Amino acid sequence: MTEENHHSQENNAAAVPPPRFMIQSTQAAAAELETVVTEDQPEESSAVAASEQDVSVKPTSSSTSISTENIQLEVESSSTTTWHIPTVSEPQEEVSQAEQVKIPVEVELLEEINPQEIDVIPLPSNHEVDEVAPEALLEVVSEDTPIDEKIVSEEPRVALAEPTVEEIIEDVTATEPVEPPMPSAEIEVPKVEHLPAPRIIALMNQKGGVGKTTTAVNLGAALGRQGYRVLLLDLDPQAHLTLYLGIDPESLEASMYDLLADDDMSAEDIRQVVPNYHHLHVLPAEVNLAGVESELADKVVTGAAQSVLRTKVSTIADQYDFILLDCPPSLGLLTINALTLAREVIVPMQAHFLALQGLGKLLETIAMLRQGFNPNLLVAGIVLCMHEKQTILAGEVIGDLEAFLEQGKETNEPWSQATIFSPPIRRNIKLAESPSFGQSIFDYDASCNGAQDYLQLAKAVASHTLDYSKV
């Protein structure tokens, strides 16, 4: 070893910071280490080690003396110099796996890479992307690169010609309208004999959402198609019956509120002919009907407030065969006015347990009203709406209703002649859609189950007469 190399090795040893633990080595071990570095390490590695600045050493936690027999200096392919130093454990334990103390070495790898061995695809800069033609981009793709036939096609693109005005008109006229069909004027309405006295029927149930308004509109429309003259009364402040018939409550000059609150207003002043319906008229309502009870508060004591509707409607009642009253879902003054005017009560309900319990309270109210304002009031029957006959609950509720009505037949109760009308109104989405078009179910979809059920219900109601001599 020359003197210059010897000084280089001493400088390298001084550049490495000492570890945290103390190593007691003999002169023989130092000489052996110097021999290993000199014989095994090439000159290039020594030069690299001389330029090393960062040294990381992972020390052990114990032992004051270490044997340097197995110390080796290796240069791995990742340009990291590693000392493999066996870990010295406590005297009672066995020697554990050797720990690696790595000294990273900075090597300029780019100098070792041959640029000719790398396929470089020149790409345009960001401001030149839009100007590059698609054919130029395809040339830089390797032949082995799969190209989706759906994206790159050899066939040239053909520009679509804009349609002419004549073609657009032809397409529009060939398209069928989405709106439901309007009622046909060619429907033959049978001629029936007018009833000697109008049948005034109140559709009531203090439970909401059971189908009162739907039954009032479609039952009235079905009776009109059979040739009967029908008058509908909207007594619900929500004015759903008025909306169902396609009448805007806000556009009304006079409504049910004016009829009840104004002494000079008559039923003829607010009566309207319902368009696109057969033999159907209506006394419409609007939202302000909710305040009519406060207007009639002074007449409650005398009893005039409970019978004001009967007094006003009696002037036109003889012009109709059926008068149907859509009652609000409550037992307030409006409902009492309806029960005072009516001669029959039809209860729309669902075959549910809660509806069955509410029916008992409703019949009690009718019985109390018979003792005062309307002694001739009778319950004609029950209409099952949104019916699902396949359910066990529906069968049980119908069984309880039939047993209850059977017990009252031999009594003088208002429901002694009541029946469960057949058929029940099956649950049908068309019945929920038709109000948005202002049409009855017969004009909206005459072939659906709802239309067929209400048509048969109208025939059942018309044929079910009550014997008032037993009252």
Protein backbone atom coordinates (compact mmCIF):
# COMPACT_ATOMS: atom_id res chain seq x y z
CA MET A 1 0.00 0.00 0.00
CA THR A 2 1.42 3.38 -0.99
CA GLU A 3 1.66 6.31 1.29
CA GLU A 4 -0.93 8.29 -0.73
CA ASN A 5 -3.49 5.51 -0.49
CA HIS A 6 -2.77 5.13 3.17
CA HIS A 7 -3.59 8.79 3.75
CA SER A 8 -6.80 8.39 1.70
CA GLN A 9 -7.95 5.52 3.91
CA GLU A 10 -7.24 7.53 7.04
CA ASN A 11 -9.31 10.43 5.73
CA ASN A 12 -12.21 8.09 4.94
CA ALA A 13 -12.13 6.62 8.42
CA ALA A 14 -12.16 10.07 9.92
CA ALA A 15 -15.19 11.05 7.82
CA VAL A 16 -17.33 8.32 9.36
CA PRO A 17 -18.79 9.44 12.67
CA PRO A 18 -18.15 7.09 15.57
CA PRO A 19 -21.08 4.91 16.73
CA ARG A 20 -22.85 5.45 20.06
CA PHE A 21 -21.36 2.39 21.64
CA MET A 22 -17.66 1.83 22.35
CA ILE A 23 -15.73 -0.74 20.38
CA GLN A 24 -12.62 -2.12 21.95
CA SER A 25 -10.49 -3.58 19.19
CA THR A 26 -6.99 -4.98 19.20
CA GLN A 27 -4.26 -4.03 16.83
CA ALA A 28 -4.67 -7.32 15.01
CA ALA A 29 -8.33 -6.64 14.33
CA ALA A 30 -7.51 -3.20 12.98
CA ALA A 31 -4.85 -4.62 10.74
CA GLU A 32 -7.23 -7.32 9.52
CA LEU A 33 -9.92 -4.69 8.73
CA GLU A 34 -7.36 -2.61 6.81
CA THR A 35 -6.36 -5.70 4.83
CA VAL A 36 -9.99 -6.53 3.90
CA VAL A 37 -10.69 -3.02 2.70
CA THR A 38 -7.47 -2.88 0.73
CA GLU A 39 -7.76 -6.29 -1.00
CA ASP A 40 -11.55 -6.62 -1.59
CA GLN A 41 -12.64 -3.07 -2.28
CA PRO A 42 -11.74 -1.68 -5.70
CA GLU A 43 -10.33 1.72 -6.13
CA GLU A 44 -13.61 3.11 -7.50
CA SER A 45 -15.49 2.01 -4.39
CA SER A 46 -12.86 3.58 -2.20
CA ALA A 47 -13.27 6.79 -4.07
CA VAL A 48 -17.02 6.62 -3.61
CA ALA A 49 -16.62 5.93 0.09
CA ALA A 50 -14.35 8.92 0.34
CA SER A 51 -17.11 11.16 -0.94
CA GLU A 52 -19.68 9.83 1.56
CA GLN A 53 -21.13 12.44 3.87
CA ASP A 54 -24.21 10.87 5.55
CA VAL A 55 -23.62 7.81 7.63
CA SER A 56 -26.48 6.03 9.46
CA VAL A 57 -25.58 3.55 12.17
CA LYS A 58 -28.09 1.36 14.00
CA PRO A 59 -26.55 0.63 17.37
CA THR A 60 -27.28 -2.19 19.76
CA SER A 61 -28.53 -1.57 23.26
CA SER A 62 -25.93 -3.42 25.35
CA SER A 63 -22.42 -4.98 25.42
CA THR A 64 -19.21 -3.15 25.94
CA SER A 65 -16.97 -5.30 23.75
CA ILE A 66 -17.43 -6.62 20.25
CA SER A 67 -15.46 -9.05 18.14
CA THR A 68 -14.52 -7.73 14.75
CA GLU A 69 -13.76 -11.04 13.13
CA ASN A 70 -16.91 -11.07 10.94
CA ILE A 71 -16.97 -7.39 10.02
CA GLN A 72 -17.25 -7.09 6.24
CA LEU A 73 -17.67 -4.10 3.96
CA GLU A 74 -19.95 -4.70 0.95
CA VAL A 75 -21.14 -2.48 -1.88
CA GLU A 76 -24.61 -3.58 -3.06
CA SER A 77 -26.14 -3.02 -6.49
CA SER A 78 -28.32 -0.22 -5.08
CA SER A 79 -25.18 1.84 -4.38
CA THR A 80 -25.47 1.43 -0.59
CA THR A 81 -22.51 0.43 1.54
CA THR A 82 -23.55 -1.97 4.30
CA TRP A 83 -21.70 -3.20 7.33
CA HIS A 84 -22.94 -6.54 8.59
CA ILE A 85 -22.25 -6.47 12.29
CA PRO A 86 -23.49 -9.33 14.47
CA THR A 87 -25.64 -8.12 17.34
CA VAL A 88 -24.19 -8.83 20.72
CA SER A 89 -26.90 -9.83 23.17
CA GLU A 90 -26.76 -10.25 26.85
CA PRO A 91 -24.70 -13.16 28.09
CA GLN A 92 -27.79 -15.27 29.06
CA GLU A 93 -29.45 -14.94 25.59
CA GLU A 94 -28.43 -16.33 22.25
CA VAL A 95 -27.03 -14.11 19.55
CA SER A 96 -29.92 -12.64 17.48
CA GLN A 97 -30.05 -12.08 13.72
CA ALA A 98 -27.44 -9.72 12.37
CA GLU A 99 -28.52 -6.13 12.04
CA GLN A 100 -27.72 -4.10 9.03
CA VAL A 101 -26.12 -0.72 9.30
CA LYS A 102 -26.59 0.94 5.92
CA ILE A 103 -24.53 3.84 4.70
CA PRO A 104 -26.24 5.40 1.65
CA VAL A 105 -23.93 6.39 -1.15
CA GLU A 106 -24.91 8.97 -3.76
CA VAL A 107 -24.23 7.73 -7.28
CA GLU A 108 -25.19 9.50 -10.45
CA LEU A 109 -27.14 6.68 -12.11
CA LEU A 110 -28.01 8.69 -15.17
CA GLU A 111 -24.42 8.42 -16.33
CA GLU A 112 -24.73 4.62 -16.40
CA ILE A 113 -27.95 4.62 -18.50
CA ASN A 114 -27.64 4.33 -22.23
CA PRO A 115 -30.14 6.72 -23.80
CA GLN A 116 -30.22 4.63 -26.97
CA GLU A 117 -31.79 1.70 -25.09
CA ILE A 118 -34.91 3.75 -24.07
CA ASP A 119 -37.84 4.37 -26.45
CA VAL A 120 -38.68 8.02 -26.06
CA ILE A 121 -42.03 9.20 -27.53
CA PRO A 122 -41.85 12.93 -28.12
CA LEU A 123 -45.09 14.61 -27.07
CA PRO A 124 -46.09 18.19 -27.86
CA SER A 125 -46.13 20.85 -25.18
CA ASN A 126 -49.36 21.97 -23.55
CA HIS A 127 -49.89 24.86 -25.93
CA GLU A 128 -49.41 22.63 -28.97
CA VAL A 129 -51.85 19.82 -28.07
CA ASP A 130 -54.81 21.33 -29.87
CA GLU A 131 -52.80 21.85 -33.06
CA VAL A 132 -51.56 18.27 -33.40
CA ALA A 133 -53.49 16.22 -35.93
CA PRO A 134 -54.87 12.80 -34.86
CA GLU A 135 -52.77 11.09 -37.54
CA ALA A 136 -49.58 12.48 -36.01
CA LEU A 137 -50.51 11.16 -32.58
CA LEU A 138 -51.22 7.69 -33.95
CA GLU A 139 -47.74 7.52 -35.51
CA VAL A 140 -46.02 7.70 -32.14
CA VAL A 141 -47.94 4.71 -30.82
CA SER A 142 -46.07 1.44 -30.99
CA GLU A 143 -47.26 -1.23 -33.41
CA ASP A 144 -47.89 -3.58 -30.48
CA THR A 145 -50.24 -1.14 -28.80
CA PRO A 146 -53.87 -2.33 -29.23
CA ILE A 147 -56.17 0.28 -30.69
CA ASP A 148 -59.89 0.06 -29.99
CA GLU A 149 -61.78 -0.22 -33.25
CA LYS A 150 -64.63 1.74 -31.75
CA ILE A 151 -62.35 4.74 -31.13
CA VAL A 152 -60.15 4.69 -34.24
CA SER A 153 -61.92 3.65 -37.41
CA GLU A 154 -60.45 3.43 -40.85
CA GLU A 155 -63.76 4.54 -42.38
CA PRO A 156 -64.11 8.31 -42.78
CA ARG A 157 -66.77 10.09 -40.78
CA VAL A 158 -69.89 11.18 -42.62
CA ALA A 159 -71.52 14.43 -41.53
CA LEU A 160 -75.23 14.09 -40.79
CA ALA A 161 -77.45 16.33 -42.81
CA GLU A 162 -79.80 18.61 -40.93
CA PRO A 163 -83.48 17.63 -41.24
CA THR A 164 -85.67 19.78 -43.37
CA VAL A 165 -88.77 21.59 -42.15
CA GLU A 166 -91.01 19.10 -43.94
CA GLU A 167 -89.33 16.16 -42.18
CA ILE A 168 -89.71 17.81 -38.77
CA ILE A 169 -93.41 18.46 -39.37
CA GLU A 170 -93.88 14.86 -40.49
CA ASP A 171 -92.20 13.51 -37.32
CA VAL A 172 -94.27 15.74 -35.04
CA THR A 173 -97.56 14.80 -36.66
CA ALA A 174 -96.67 11.10 -36.53
CA THR A 175 -95.98 11.20 -32.78
CA GLU A 176 -98.94 10.25 -30.61
CA PRO A 177 -99.92 12.72 -27.87
CA VAL A 178 -98.90 11.87 -24.32
CA GLU A 179 -101.97 13.42 -22.73
CA PRO A 180 -104.85 11.09 -21.84
CA PRO A 181 -107.79 11.03 -24.24
CA MET A 182 -110.55 13.58 -23.76
CA PRO A 183 -114.07 12.37 -23.11
CA SER A 184 -115.81 11.39 -26.28
CA ALA A 185 -118.94 13.27 -27.27
CA GLU A 186 -120.27 10.11 -28.93
CA ILE A 187 -120.97 8.33 -25.64
CA GLU A 188 -124.57 7.29 -25.61
CA VAL A 189 -126.21 8.23 -22.33
CA PRO A 190 -129.22 6.03 -21.58
CA LYS A 191 -132.51 7.67 -20.80
CA VAL A 192 -133.83 6.84 -17.36
CA GLU A 193 -136.89 7.90 -15.49
CA HIS A 194 -136.23 10.70 -13.11
CA LEU A 195 -136.72 9.93 -9.46
CA PRO A 196 -139.80 11.37 -7.76
CA ALA A 197 -137.57 12.85 -5.05
CA PRO A 198 -133.85 13.45 -5.03
CA ARG A 199 -131.65 11.05 -3.12
CA ILE A 200 -129.37 13.24 -1.00
CA ILE A 201 -126.35 11.22 0.10
CA ALA A 202 -123.60 12.42 2.43
CA LEU A 203 -120.20 10.76 1.96
CA MET A 204 -118.58 11.14 5.34
CA ASN A 205 -115.91 9.72 7.56
CA GLN A 206 -114.06 11.71 10.19
CA LYS A 207 -110.88 9.83 9.21
CA GLY A 208 -109.06 11.50 6.32
CA GLY A 209 -107.54 9.84 3.29
CA VAL A 210 -110.08 7.03 2.98
CA GLY A 211 -111.42 7.94 -0.47
CA LYS A 212 -114.37 10.26 0.20
CA THR A 213 -113.58 12.79 -2.54
CA THR A 214 -112.57 10.13 -5.07
CA THR A 215 -115.81 8.26 -4.42
CA ALA A 216 -117.93 11.44 -4.63
CA VAL A 217 -116.50 12.46 -8.03
CA ASN A 218 -116.42 9.06 -9.71
CA LEU A 219 -119.72 7.87 -8.26
CA GLY A 220 -121.34 11.10 -9.49
CA ALA A 221 -119.70 10.73 -12.92
CA ALA A 222 -120.89 7.11 -13.18
CA LEU A 223 -124.44 8.06 -12.24
CA GLY A 224 -124.35 10.83 -14.84
CA ARG A 225 -123.27 8.36 -17.50
CA GLN A 226 -126.26 6.24 -16.61
CA GLY A 227 -128.56 9.16 -17.34
CA TYR A 228 -129.17 10.54 -13.83
CA ARG A 229 -128.97 14.25 -13.04
CA VAL A 230 -126.27 14.74 -10.40
CA LEU A 231 -125.29 17.66 -8.17
CA LEU A 232 -122.05 17.62 -6.17
CA LEU A 233 -121.46 19.76 -3.07
CA ASP A 234 -117.90 20.47 -1.93
CA LEU A 235 -118.01 21.03 1.84
CA ASP A 236 -114.31 20.45 2.47
CA PRO A 237 -112.20 23.62 3.01
CA GLN A 238 -109.38 21.88 1.14
CA ALA A 239 -111.55 22.15 -2.02
CA HIS A 240 -110.25 18.84 -3.36
CA LEU A 241 -113.51 17.98 -5.09
CA THR A 242 -113.45 21.32 -6.90
CA LEU A 243 -109.87 20.72 -8.01
CA TYR A 244 -110.71 17.15 -9.05
CA LEU A 245 -113.30 18.51 -11.48
CA GLY A 246 -110.74 20.80 -13.10
CA ILE A 247 -112.00 24.04 -11.52
CA ASP A 248 -109.51 26.49 -10.04
CA PRO A 249 -110.83 27.60 -6.61
CA GLU A 250 -108.96 30.91 -6.82
CA SER A 251 -110.81 31.86 -9.98
CA LEU A 252 -114.27 31.53 -8.40
CA GLU A 253 -116.38 34.64 -8.02
CA ALA A 254 -118.59 32.95 -5.41
CA SER A 255 -118.28 29.66 -3.56
CA MET A 256 -119.74 27.59 -0.76
CA TYR A 257 -118.46 30.10 1.76
CA ASP A 258 -120.58 32.85 0.23
CA LEU A 259 -123.60 30.56 0.13
CA LEU A 260 -123.41 29.83 3.88
CA ALA A 261 -122.24 33.22 5.14
CA ASP A 262 -124.27 35.54 2.90
CA ASP A 263 -128.03 35.50 3.43
CA ASP A 264 -128.67 37.02 -0.01
CA MET A 265 -126.60 34.38 -1.87
CA SER A 266 -128.53 31.48 -3.46
CA ALA A 267 -127.40 28.08 -4.69
CA GLU A 268 -128.06 29.09 -8.27
CA ASP A 269 -125.54 31.94 -7.92
CA ILE A 270 -122.62 29.62 -7.24
CA ARG A 271 -123.71 26.56 -9.23
CA GLN A 272 -121.48 25.59 -12.13
CA VAL A 273 -121.83 23.12 -14.96
CA VAL A 274 -118.86 20.77 -15.00
CA PRO A 275 -117.38 20.63 -18.53
CA ASN A 276 -116.77 17.27 -20.22
CA TYR A 277 -119.08 15.51 -17.74
CA HIS A 278 -122.58 14.23 -18.38
CA HIS A 279 -125.46 15.71 -16.36
CA LEU A 280 -123.11 16.91 -13.62
CA HIS A 281 -123.22 20.20 -11.73
CA VAL A 282 -121.26 21.36 -8.70
CA LEU A 283 -121.41 23.85 -5.86
CA PRO A 284 -117.65 24.56 -5.55
CA ALA A 285 -115.59 25.51 -2.52
CA GLU A 286 -112.41 27.37 -1.73
CA VAL A 287 -110.00 27.63 1.18
CA ASN A 288 -111.87 30.42 2.98
CA LEU A 289 -114.63 27.92 3.76
CA ALA A 290 -112.63 27.09 6.90
CA GLY A 291 -113.74 30.42 8.43
CA VAL A 292 -117.45 29.92 7.92
CA GLU A 293 -117.94 28.52 11.43
CA SER A 294 -116.94 31.84 12.96
CA GLU A 295 -119.35 33.61 10.61
CA LEU A 296 -122.21 31.38 11.78
CA ALA A 297 -121.32 31.44 15.48
CA ASP A 298 -124.17 33.81 16.32
CA LYS A 299 -126.73 31.47 14.74
CA VAL A 300 -125.63 28.32 16.55
CA VAL A 301 -127.79 29.00 19.60
CA THR A 302 -130.97 29.35 17.55
CA GLY A 303 -130.20 26.29 15.40
CA ALA A 304 -130.15 28.25 12.15
CA ALA A 305 -126.42 27.66 11.68
CA GLN A 306 -126.91 23.88 11.61
CA SER A 307 -129.60 24.00 8.90
CA VAL A 308 -128.49 26.90 6.69
CA LEU A 309 -127.29 24.53 3.97
CA ARG A 310 -130.62 22.68 3.83
CA THR A 311 -132.46 25.98 3.50
CA LYS A 312 -130.30 27.15 0.59
CA VAL A 313 -130.10 23.89 -1.39
CA SER A 314 -133.80 23.03 -1.10
CA THR A 315 -134.58 25.58 -3.81
CA ILE A 316 -132.79 23.56 -6.51
CA ALA A 317 -132.93 20.03 -5.07
CA ASP A 318 -135.89 18.95 -7.19
CA GLN A 319 -133.86 19.49 -10.37
CA TYR A 320 -131.64 16.47 -9.61
CA ASP A 321 -131.90 12.75 -9.04
CA PHE A 322 -128.79 12.43 -6.86
CA ILE A 323 -127.13 15.05 -4.66
CA LEU A 324 -123.76 13.92 -3.30
CA LEU A 325 -122.11 15.80 -0.42
CA ASP A 326 -118.33 15.56 0.06
CA CYS A 327 -117.92 16.12 3.81
CA PRO A 328 -114.74 17.29 5.58
CA PRO A 329 -112.80 14.81 7.77
CA SER A 330 -114.25 16.21 11.01
CA LEU A 331 -117.48 16.44 12.97
CA GLY A 332 -117.75 20.25 12.97
CA LEU A 333 -120.45 22.62 11.83
CA LEU A 334 -119.95 21.84 8.14
CA THR A 335 -120.47 18.13 8.71
CA ILE A 336 -123.57 18.81 10.81
CA ASN A 337 -124.98 20.93 7.98
CA ALA A 338 -124.36 18.06 5.57
CA LEU A 339 -126.06 15.52 7.85
CA THR A 340 -129.00 17.87 8.36
CA LEU A 341 -129.49 18.15 4.59
CA ALA A 342 -128.87 14.49 3.72
CA ARG A 343 -131.28 11.62 3.94
CA GLU A 344 -128.69 8.88 3.49
CA VAL A 345 -125.11 8.35 4.61
CA ILE A 346 -122.50 6.30 2.77
CA VAL A 347 -119.29 5.66 4.66
CA PRO A 348 -116.14 5.22 2.51
CA MET A 349 -113.49 3.39 4.51
CA GLN A 350 -110.57 1.04 4.30
CA ALA A 351 -110.64 -2.44 5.74
CA HIS A 352 -108.28 -1.49 8.57
CA PHE A 353 -108.58 -1.81 12.32
CA LEU A 354 -108.46 1.94 13.05
CA ALA A 355 -111.12 2.65 10.43
CA LEU A 356 -113.34 0.06 12.07
CA GLN A 357 -112.99 1.77 15.44
CA GLY A 358 -113.79 5.17 13.91
CA LEU A 359 -116.93 3.78 12.33
CA GLY A 360 -118.43 3.16 15.79
CA LYS A 361 -117.97 6.82 16.77
CA LEU A 362 -119.44 7.95 13.47
CA LEU A 363 -122.58 5.88 13.95
CA GLU A 364 -123.02 7.29 17.43
CA THR A 365 -122.91 10.84 16.00
CA ILE A 366 -125.55 9.94 13.42
CA ALA A 367 -127.78 8.47 16.11
CA MET A 368 -127.51 11.67 18.19
CA LEU A 369 -128.30 13.84 15.16
CA ARG A 370 -131.44 11.84 14.44
CA GLN A 371 -132.82 12.89 17.81
CA GLY A 372 -132.73 16.56 16.83
CA PHE A 373 -132.05 18.04 13.40
CA ASN A 374 -132.74 15.09 11.06
CA PRO A 375 -134.98 12.29 12.39
CA ASN A 376 -135.12 10.54 8.98
CA LEU A 377 -131.37 10.12 8.53
CA LEU A 378 -130.31 6.58 7.62
CA VAL A 379 -127.04 4.82 6.86
CA ALA A 380 -127.25 3.34 3.37
CA GLY A 381 -124.06 1.36 3.52
CA ILE A 382 -120.28 1.13 3.47
CA VAL A 383 -117.93 1.44 0.50
CA LEU A 384 -114.58 -0.30 0.86
CA CYS A 385 -111.91 1.81 -0.86
CA MET A 386 -108.29 0.95 -1.75
CA HIS A 387 -109.26 -2.63 -1.06
CA GLU A 388 -106.78 -5.51 -0.97
CA LYS A 389 -108.82 -8.65 -0.71
CA GLN A 390 -105.79 -10.95 -0.59
CA THR A 391 -104.82 -9.73 2.90
CA ILE A 392 -105.94 -11.57 6.02
CA LEU A 393 -106.67 -8.27 7.79
CA ALA A 394 -109.17 -7.22 5.12
CA GLY A 395 -111.05 -10.49 5.49
CA GLU A 396 -111.20 -10.15 9.27
CA VAL A 397 -112.45 -6.54 9.13
CA ILE A 398 -115.15 -7.42 6.60
CA GLY A 399 -116.25 -10.29 8.81
CA ASP A 400 -116.62 -7.94 11.79
CA LEU A 401 -118.58 -5.42 9.69
CA GLU A 402 -120.99 -8.04 8.39
CA ALA A 403 -121.60 -9.35 11.89
CA PHE A 404 -122.21 -5.84 13.24
CA LEU A 405 -124.67 -4.91 10.48
CA GLU A 406 -126.47 -8.22 10.83
CA GLN A 407 -127.13 -7.55 14.52
CA GLY A 408 -128.65 -4.13 13.74
CA LYS A 409 -131.16 -5.29 11.13
CA GLU A 410 -133.96 -5.99 13.60
CA THR A 411 -133.45 -2.75 15.50
CA ASN A 412 -134.48 0.86 14.99
CA GLU A 413 -130.88 2.02 14.63
CA PRO A 414 -129.90 4.28 11.70
CA TRP A 415 -127.82 1.43 10.20
CA SER A 416 -130.62 -1.16 10.28
CA GLN A 417 -130.83 -1.13 6.44
CA ALA A 418 -127.14 -0.64 5.78
CA THR A 419 -125.10 -2.95 3.59
CA ILE A 420 -121.55 -3.39 2.37
CA PHE A 421 -121.69 -2.30 -1.26
CA SER A 422 -120.24 -4.62 -3.83
CA PRO A 423 -117.83 -4.58 -5.47
CA PRO A 424 -115.18 -2.97 -3.27
CA ILE A 425 -112.99 -0.39 -4.96
CA ARG A 426 -109.70 -2.10 -5.63
CA ARG A 427 -106.44 -0.22 -5.14
CA ASN A 428 -105.56 1.30 -8.50
CA ILE A 429 -102.89 3.86 -9.39
CA LYS A 430 -105.09 5.32 -12.11
CA LEU A 431 -107.46 6.63 -9.45
CA ALA A 432 -104.60 8.63 -7.96
CA GLU A 433 -103.44 9.97 -11.34
CA SER A 434 -106.78 11.15 -12.74
CA PRO A 435 -107.22 14.22 -10.45
CA SER A 436 -104.07 15.83 -11.83
CA PHE A 437 -105.77 15.97 -15.24
CA GLY A 438 -109.12 17.18 -13.91
CA GLN A 439 -110.84 14.07 -15.23
CA SER A 440 -112.92 11.30 -13.80
CA ILE A 441 -111.58 7.79 -13.96
CA PHE A 442 -113.88 7.04 -16.90
CA ASP A 443 -112.35 9.80 -19.02
CA TYR A 444 -108.81 9.11 -17.87
CA ASP A 445 -108.76 5.32 -18.34
CA ALA A 446 -112.14 3.62 -18.77
CA SER A 447 -110.53 0.17 -19.01
CA CYS A 448 -108.77 0.16 -15.63
CA ASN A 449 -110.04 -1.67 -12.55
CA GLY A 450 -110.99 1.57 -10.81
CA ALA A 451 -113.35 2.58 -13.61
CA GLN A 452 -114.99 -0.81 -13.72
CA ASP A 453 -115.45 -0.88 -9.93
CA TYR A 454 -117.03 2.58 -9.72
CA LEU A 455 -119.33 1.81 -12.62
CA GLN A 456 -120.63 -1.27 -10.83
CA LEU A 457 -120.82 0.68 -7.55
CA ALA A 458 -123.07 3.27 -9.19
CA LYS A 459 -125.47 0.55 -10.27
CA ALA A 460 -125.47 -0.93 -6.77
CA VAL A 461 -126.17 2.44 -5.12
CA ALA A 462 -128.95 3.28 -7.60
CA SER A 463 -130.67 -0.05 -6.95
CA HIS A 464 -130.33 0.09 -3.16
CA THR A 465 -133.45 1.88 -1.92
CA LEU A 466 -134.31 2.54 1.71
CA ASP A 467 -137.70 2.11 3.36
CA TYR A 468 -138.38 5.27 5.33
CA SER A 469 -141.66 3.88 6.65
CA LYS A 470 -139.68 1.91 9.19
CA VAL A 471 -138.07 5.00 10.63
